[in-house]
């Protein structure tokens, strides 16, 4: 069975340090939960190329991709999520695949219900945001 690569962006903004959380509208079991925006890695793409494309498609922004946040996270038995620290180069996040975006500080990370696969990354993200 082939494992699909999925990438997510911990999209950071300074002053005070914040990360973008996006609320899902589908599938029904995940609707209303919050996530790091991103999507599937297409054949022939690197994680970084996929993330730049996904952020352009999902949010209407141009972004740079930096270091990894945390380890590989399994999504069921068919996919692996890799999350990267990203920064907006141009544009403001638009609502395309989500119905709400919020910029959260380290203290606000627990103020939204996250999709289960993203939960293990919150501790590392809290440390990262608090240290900026």
N, C-alpha and C. Protein backbone atom coordinates (compact mmCIF):
# COMPACT_ATOMS: atom_id res chain seq x y z
N UNK A 1 0.85 -1.18 0.00
CA UNK A 1 0.00 0.00 0.00
C UNK A 1 0.89 1.24 0.00
N UNK A 2 0.61 2.15 -0.90
CA UNK A 2 1.39 3.38 -0.99
C UNK A 2 0.93 4.38 0.07
N UNK A 3 1.89 5.01 0.72
CA UNK A 3 1.59 6.01 1.73
C UNK A 3 1.64 7.39 1.07
N UNK A 4 0.58 8.16 1.27
CA UNK A 4 0.47 9.49 0.69
C UNK A 4 1.13 10.50 1.62
N UNK A 5 1.90 11.42 1.05
CA UNK A 5 2.48 12.50 1.82
C UNK A 5 1.51 13.66 1.92
N UNK A 6 1.35 14.19 3.12
CA UNK A 6 0.51 15.36 3.36
C UNK A 6 1.39 16.37 4.09
N UNK A 7 1.30 17.63 3.68
CA UNK A 7 2.10 18.68 4.31
C UNK A 7 1.19 19.72 4.93
N UNK A 8 1.66 20.30 6.03
CA UNK A 8 0.93 21.35 6.70
C UNK A 8 1.87 22.50 7.02
N UNK A 9 1.30 23.69 7.15
CA UNK A 9 2.08 24.89 7.43
C UNK A 9 1.75 25.44 8.80
N UNK A 10 2.78 25.53 9.65
CA UNK A 10 2.67 26.33 10.87
C UNK A 10 3.10 27.72 10.43
N UNK A 11 2.11 28.48 9.95
CA UNK A 11 2.37 29.78 9.34
C UNK A 11 2.49 30.83 10.43
N UNK A 12 3.70 31.39 10.57
CA UNK A 12 3.98 32.29 11.68
C UNK A 12 3.91 33.75 11.26
N UNK A 13 3.54 34.57 12.24
CA UNK A 13 3.50 36.03 12.08
C UNK A 13 4.08 36.63 13.35
N UNK A 14 4.86 37.68 13.20
CA UNK A 14 5.48 38.32 14.36
C UNK A 14 4.58 39.40 14.95
N UNK A 15 4.99 39.86 16.13
CA UNK A 15 4.48 41.05 16.79
C UNK A 15 3.04 41.07 17.24
N UNK A 16 2.62 40.39 18.29
CA UNK A 16 3.27 39.30 19.02
C UNK A 16 3.28 38.03 18.17
N UNK A 17 4.19 37.08 18.46
CA UNK A 17 4.28 35.86 17.66
C UNK A 17 2.96 35.09 17.65
N UNK A 18 2.50 34.75 16.46
CA UNK A 18 1.22 34.04 16.30
C UNK A 18 1.35 33.01 15.19
N UNK A 19 0.46 32.02 15.21
CA UNK A 19 0.39 31.00 14.17
C UNK A 19 -1.03 30.99 13.61
N UNK A 20 -1.16 30.70 12.32
CA UNK A 20 -2.48 30.65 11.70
C UNK A 20 -3.14 29.30 11.93
N UNK A 21 -4.36 29.33 12.45
CA UNK A 21 -5.21 28.15 12.56
C UNK A 21 -6.38 28.35 11.61
N UNK A 22 -6.76 27.28 10.90
CA UNK A 22 -7.84 27.37 9.91
C UNK A 22 -8.90 26.32 10.24
N UNK A 23 -10.18 26.74 10.18
CA UNK A 23 -11.28 25.84 10.54
C UNK A 23 -11.79 25.10 9.31
N UNK A 24 -11.82 23.78 9.42
CA UNK A 24 -12.25 22.90 8.32
C UNK A 24 -13.76 22.95 8.12
N UNK A 25 -14.17 22.73 6.88
CA UNK A 25 -15.59 22.61 6.56
C UNK A 25 -15.94 21.19 6.12
N UNK A 26 -14.93 20.37 5.81
CA UNK A 26 -15.14 18.99 5.39
C UNK A 26 -13.91 18.16 5.69
N UNK A 27 -14.00 16.84 5.68
CA UNK A 27 -15.20 16.02 5.65
C UNK A 27 -16.03 16.22 6.91
N UNK A 28 -17.28 15.74 6.91
CA UNK A 28 -18.17 16.00 8.05
C UNK A 28 -17.58 15.66 9.42
N UNK A 29 -16.79 14.58 9.51
CA UNK A 29 -16.23 14.20 10.82
C UNK A 29 -15.18 15.19 11.33
N UNK A 30 -14.62 16.01 10.43
CA UNK A 30 -13.62 17.00 10.83
C UNK A 30 -14.12 18.45 10.73
N UNK A 31 -15.32 18.63 10.19
CA UNK A 31 -15.87 19.98 10.03
C UNK A 31 -15.98 20.65 11.40
N UNK A 32 -15.53 21.90 11.46
CA UNK A 32 -15.57 22.66 12.70
C UNK A 32 -14.31 22.54 13.53
N UNK A 33 -13.42 21.62 13.15
CA UNK A 33 -12.14 21.49 13.84
C UNK A 33 -11.09 22.34 13.13
N UNK A 34 -10.03 22.67 13.86
CA UNK A 34 -9.00 23.58 13.36
C UNK A 34 -7.75 22.81 12.98
N UNK A 35 -7.01 23.36 12.01
CA UNK A 35 -5.83 22.67 11.50
C UNK A 35 -4.78 23.66 11.02
N UNK A 36 -3.60 23.11 10.74
CA UNK A 36 -2.59 23.84 9.99
C UNK A 36 -2.95 23.66 8.52
N UNK A 37 -3.06 24.75 7.74
CA UNK A 37 -3.42 24.59 6.34
C UNK A 37 -2.35 23.82 5.57
N UNK A 38 -2.75 23.18 4.48
CA UNK A 38 -1.83 22.40 3.66
C UNK A 38 -2.60 21.41 2.81
N UNK A 39 -1.95 20.34 2.42
CA UNK A 39 -2.61 19.35 1.58
C UNK A 39 -1.66 18.27 1.10
N UNK A 40 -2.12 17.50 0.11
CA UNK A 40 -1.37 16.36 -0.41
C UNK A 40 -0.18 16.78 -1.26
N UNK A 41 0.86 15.98 -1.16
CA UNK A 41 2.04 16.14 -2.01
C UNK A 41 1.75 15.38 -3.31
N UNK A 42 1.79 16.08 -4.43
CA UNK A 42 1.53 15.45 -5.73
C UNK A 42 2.78 14.71 -6.21
N UNK A 43 2.61 13.70 -7.08
CA UNK A 43 3.77 12.99 -7.62
C UNK A 43 4.76 13.96 -8.26
N UNK A 44 6.05 13.78 -7.94
CA UNK A 44 7.09 14.62 -8.50
C UNK A 44 7.36 15.90 -7.73
N UNK A 45 6.55 16.19 -6.70
CA UNK A 45 6.75 17.40 -5.89
C UNK A 45 7.54 17.06 -4.63
N UNK A 46 8.35 18.01 -4.19
CA UNK A 46 8.95 17.91 -2.86
C UNK A 46 7.90 18.41 -1.85
N UNK A 47 8.14 18.14 -0.58
CA UNK A 47 7.24 18.67 0.45
C UNK A 47 7.14 20.19 0.33
N UNK A 48 8.30 20.84 0.15
CA UNK A 48 8.33 22.30 0.09
C UNK A 48 7.54 22.84 -1.11
N UNK A 49 7.71 22.21 -2.28
CA UNK A 49 6.96 22.64 -3.47
C UNK A 49 5.46 22.47 -3.25
N UNK A 50 5.08 21.34 -2.66
CA UNK A 50 3.66 21.08 -2.41
C UNK A 50 3.08 22.12 -1.45
N UNK A 51 3.83 22.47 -0.44
CA UNK A 51 3.34 23.43 0.55
C UNK A 51 3.17 24.82 -0.05
N UNK A 52 4.13 25.26 -0.84
CA UNK A 52 4.01 26.56 -1.51
C UNK A 52 2.77 26.56 -2.40
N UNK A 53 2.55 25.48 -3.16
CA UNK A 53 1.38 25.37 -4.05
C UNK A 53 0.08 25.37 -3.24
N UNK A 54 0.04 24.54 -2.20
CA UNK A 54 -1.18 24.43 -1.40
C UNK A 54 -1.54 25.76 -0.73
N UNK A 55 -0.54 26.48 -0.22
CA UNK A 55 -0.82 27.76 0.43
C UNK A 55 -1.31 28.79 -0.58
N UNK A 56 -0.80 28.72 -1.80
CA UNK A 56 -1.28 29.60 -2.87
C UNK A 56 -2.74 29.26 -3.19
N UNK A 57 -3.04 27.96 -3.33
CA UNK A 57 -4.40 27.52 -3.69
C UNK A 57 -5.40 27.72 -2.54
N UNK A 58 -5.01 27.34 -1.33
CA UNK A 58 -5.94 27.35 -0.18
C UNK A 58 -6.11 28.72 0.45
N UNK A 59 -5.03 29.51 0.47
CA UNK A 59 -5.07 30.77 1.20
C UNK A 59 -4.86 32.00 0.32
N UNK A 60 -4.38 31.81 -0.91
CA UNK A 60 -4.11 32.94 -1.79
C UNK A 60 -2.90 33.74 -1.37
N UNK A 61 -1.92 33.08 -0.74
CA UNK A 61 -0.71 33.78 -0.29
C UNK A 61 0.53 33.15 -0.92
N UNK A 62 1.61 33.91 -0.90
CA UNK A 62 2.93 33.38 -1.21
C UNK A 62 3.66 33.23 0.11
N UNK A 63 4.33 32.10 0.28
CA UNK A 63 4.99 31.82 1.55
C UNK A 63 6.34 31.16 1.34
N UNK A 64 7.21 31.30 2.34
CA UNK A 64 8.47 30.58 2.36
C UNK A 64 8.33 29.42 3.34
N UNK A 65 9.03 28.33 3.04
CA UNK A 65 8.99 27.13 3.86
C UNK A 65 10.32 26.98 4.58
N UNK A 66 10.25 26.81 5.89
CA UNK A 66 11.46 26.66 6.70
C UNK A 66 11.60 25.26 7.26
N UNK A 67 12.06 25.19 8.51
CA UNK A 67 12.36 23.91 9.14
C UNK A 67 11.10 23.14 9.51
N UNK A 68 11.30 21.83 9.74
CA UNK A 68 10.20 20.95 10.16
C UNK A 68 9.79 21.28 11.59
N UNK A 69 8.52 21.06 11.88
CA UNK A 69 8.00 21.14 13.25
C UNK A 69 7.59 19.73 13.64
N UNK A 70 8.28 19.16 14.60
CA UNK A 70 7.92 17.83 15.08
C UNK A 70 8.30 16.71 14.11
N UNK A 71 7.79 15.53 14.40
CA UNK A 71 8.10 14.32 13.63
C UNK A 71 6.99 14.02 12.63
N UNK A 72 7.22 12.96 11.83
CA UNK A 72 6.17 12.47 10.94
C UNK A 72 4.97 12.02 11.79
N UNK A 73 3.76 12.39 11.34
CA UNK A 73 2.55 12.02 12.06
C UNK A 73 1.66 11.18 11.15
N UNK A 74 1.38 9.93 11.54
CA UNK A 74 0.52 9.10 10.70
C UNK A 74 -0.92 9.60 10.69
N UNK A 75 -1.52 9.57 9.49
CA UNK A 75 -2.95 9.85 9.32
C UNK A 75 -3.56 8.52 8.91
N UNK A 76 -4.12 7.82 9.87
CA UNK A 76 -4.60 6.47 9.59
C UNK A 76 -3.44 5.59 9.14
N UNK A 77 -3.71 4.69 8.18
CA UNK A 77 -2.66 3.80 7.67
C UNK A 77 -2.21 4.18 6.28
N UNK A 78 -2.76 5.28 5.74
CA UNK A 78 -2.51 5.58 4.33
C UNK A 78 -1.76 6.87 4.08
N UNK A 79 -1.52 7.67 5.11
CA UNK A 79 -0.88 8.98 4.88
C UNK A 79 0.03 9.36 6.05
N UNK A 80 1.00 10.21 5.74
CA UNK A 80 1.92 10.76 6.74
C UNK A 80 1.88 12.28 6.63
N UNK A 81 1.67 12.95 7.77
CA UNK A 81 1.68 14.42 7.81
C UNK A 81 3.04 14.91 8.26
N UNK A 82 3.56 15.89 7.51
CA UNK A 82 4.78 16.60 7.90
C UNK A 82 4.44 18.09 7.93
N UNK A 83 4.71 18.73 9.06
CA UNK A 83 4.39 20.15 9.22
C UNK A 83 5.70 20.95 9.23
N UNK A 84 5.67 22.07 8.53
CA UNK A 84 6.83 22.95 8.40
C UNK A 84 6.51 24.34 8.91
N UNK A 85 7.54 25.01 9.44
CA UNK A 85 7.41 26.41 9.83
C UNK A 85 7.43 27.24 8.54
N UNK A 86 6.43 28.08 8.35
CA UNK A 86 6.33 28.89 7.14
C UNK A 86 6.09 30.36 7.51
N UNK A 87 6.41 31.23 6.56
CA UNK A 87 6.17 32.67 6.74
C UNK A 87 5.53 33.22 5.49
N UNK A 88 4.61 34.16 5.67
CA UNK A 88 3.95 34.82 4.55
C UNK A 88 4.93 35.79 3.90
N UNK A 89 5.06 35.70 2.57
CA UNK A 89 5.89 36.63 1.81
C UNK A 89 5.00 37.76 1.29
N UNK A 90 3.81 37.38 0.78
CA UNK A 90 2.88 38.40 0.29
C UNK A 90 1.45 37.87 0.38
N UNK A 91 0.50 38.80 0.53
CA UNK A 91 -0.91 38.45 0.60
C UNK A 91 -1.38 38.26 2.03
N UNK A 92 -2.69 38.20 2.17
CA UNK A 92 -3.36 37.89 3.43
C UNK A 92 -4.19 36.64 3.22
N UNK A 93 -4.21 35.72 4.19
CA UNK A 93 -4.98 34.48 4.03
C UNK A 93 -6.46 34.74 3.69
N UNK A 94 -6.90 34.09 2.62
CA UNK A 94 -8.29 34.18 2.17
C UNK A 94 -9.04 32.91 2.59
N UNK A 95 -10.36 33.02 2.68
CA UNK A 95 -11.19 31.86 2.99
C UNK A 95 -11.56 31.17 1.68
N UNK A 96 -10.90 30.06 1.39
CA UNK A 96 -11.16 29.28 0.19
C UNK A 96 -11.68 27.90 0.60
N UNK A 97 -10.83 27.12 1.28
CA UNK A 97 -11.21 25.78 1.73
C UNK A 97 -11.64 25.74 3.20
N UNK A 98 -11.59 26.87 3.87
CA UNK A 98 -11.94 26.96 5.29
C UNK A 98 -13.01 28.03 5.47
N UNK A 99 -13.68 28.02 6.65
CA UNK A 99 -14.70 29.05 6.88
C UNK A 99 -14.27 30.09 7.90
N UNK A 100 -13.08 29.90 8.52
CA UNK A 100 -12.54 30.91 9.42
C UNK A 100 -11.05 30.68 9.61
N UNK A 101 -10.31 31.78 9.78
CA UNK A 101 -8.89 31.73 10.14
C UNK A 101 -8.72 32.54 11.42
N UNK A 102 -7.79 32.11 12.25
CA UNK A 102 -7.42 32.88 13.45
C UNK A 102 -5.92 32.84 13.61
N UNK A 103 -5.34 33.99 13.97
CA UNK A 103 -3.93 34.07 14.34
C UNK A 103 -3.85 33.89 15.85
N UNK A 104 -3.24 32.79 16.30
CA UNK A 104 -3.22 32.44 17.72
C UNK A 104 -1.83 32.63 18.32
N UNK A 105 -1.78 33.22 19.52
CA UNK A 105 -0.54 33.31 20.28
C UNK A 105 -0.33 31.98 21.01
N UNK A 106 0.84 31.82 21.65
CA UNK A 106 1.13 30.59 22.40
C UNK A 106 0.04 30.32 23.44
N UNK A 107 -0.43 31.38 24.12
CA UNK A 107 -1.45 31.21 25.16
C UNK A 107 -2.83 30.90 24.60
N UNK A 108 -3.05 31.13 23.30
CA UNK A 108 -4.37 30.90 22.70
C UNK A 108 -4.48 29.57 21.96
N UNK A 109 -3.40 28.78 21.91
CA UNK A 109 -3.42 27.54 21.13
C UNK A 109 -4.52 26.58 21.56
N UNK A 110 -4.85 26.57 22.85
CA UNK A 110 -5.89 25.67 23.34
C UNK A 110 -7.29 26.26 23.25
N UNK A 111 -7.43 27.42 22.62
CA UNK A 111 -8.74 28.08 22.54
C UNK A 111 -9.60 27.55 21.40
N UNK A 112 -9.04 26.68 20.56
CA UNK A 112 -9.80 26.08 19.46
C UNK A 112 -9.64 24.57 19.51
N UNK A 113 -10.65 23.81 19.03
CA UNK A 113 -10.51 22.36 18.97
C UNK A 113 -9.75 21.95 17.70
N UNK A 114 -8.54 21.40 17.85
CA UNK A 114 -7.68 21.01 16.73
C UNK A 114 -8.06 19.62 16.22
N UNK A 115 -7.78 19.37 14.94
CA UNK A 115 -7.93 18.01 14.42
C UNK A 115 -6.93 17.13 15.17
N UNK A 116 -7.29 15.87 15.43
CA UNK A 116 -6.45 15.02 16.28
C UNK A 116 -4.99 14.90 15.80
N UNK A 117 -4.75 14.81 14.50
CA UNK A 117 -3.39 14.60 14.01
C UNK A 117 -2.46 15.78 14.34
N UNK A 118 -3.01 16.99 14.48
CA UNK A 118 -2.18 18.17 14.77
C UNK A 118 -1.85 18.33 16.25
N UNK A 119 -2.59 17.68 17.12
CA UNK A 119 -2.43 17.87 18.57
C UNK A 119 -1.01 17.63 19.08
N UNK A 120 -0.28 16.60 18.61
CA UNK A 120 1.07 16.37 19.14
C UNK A 120 2.04 17.52 18.86
N UNK A 121 1.73 18.39 17.91
CA UNK A 121 2.63 19.48 17.55
C UNK A 121 2.46 20.73 18.41
N UNK A 122 1.37 20.80 19.16
CA UNK A 122 1.06 22.03 19.90
C UNK A 122 2.09 22.36 20.98
N UNK A 123 2.64 21.34 21.64
CA UNK A 123 3.64 21.61 22.69
C UNK A 123 4.88 22.26 22.09
N UNK A 124 5.40 21.69 20.98
CA UNK A 124 6.57 22.27 20.32
C UNK A 124 6.27 23.67 19.80
N UNK A 125 5.07 23.83 19.25
CA UNK A 125 4.68 25.13 18.71
C UNK A 125 4.58 26.18 19.81
N UNK A 126 4.05 25.78 20.96
CA UNK A 126 3.93 26.71 22.10
C UNK A 126 5.31 27.20 22.52
N UNK A 127 6.28 26.31 22.58
CA UNK A 127 7.65 26.67 22.94
C UNK A 127 8.24 27.61 21.89
N UNK A 128 8.03 27.28 20.62
CA UNK A 128 8.54 28.10 19.53
C UNK A 128 7.97 29.52 19.58
N UNK A 129 6.66 29.63 19.76
CA UNK A 129 6.02 30.95 19.81
C UNK A 129 6.47 31.74 21.04
N UNK A 130 6.58 31.07 22.17
CA UNK A 130 6.96 31.76 23.41
C UNK A 130 8.41 32.28 23.35
N UNK A 131 9.25 31.59 22.56
CA UNK A 131 10.64 31.97 22.48
C UNK A 131 10.95 33.05 21.46
N UNK A 132 9.96 33.49 20.69
CA UNK A 132 10.20 34.50 19.63
C UNK A 132 10.05 35.89 20.17
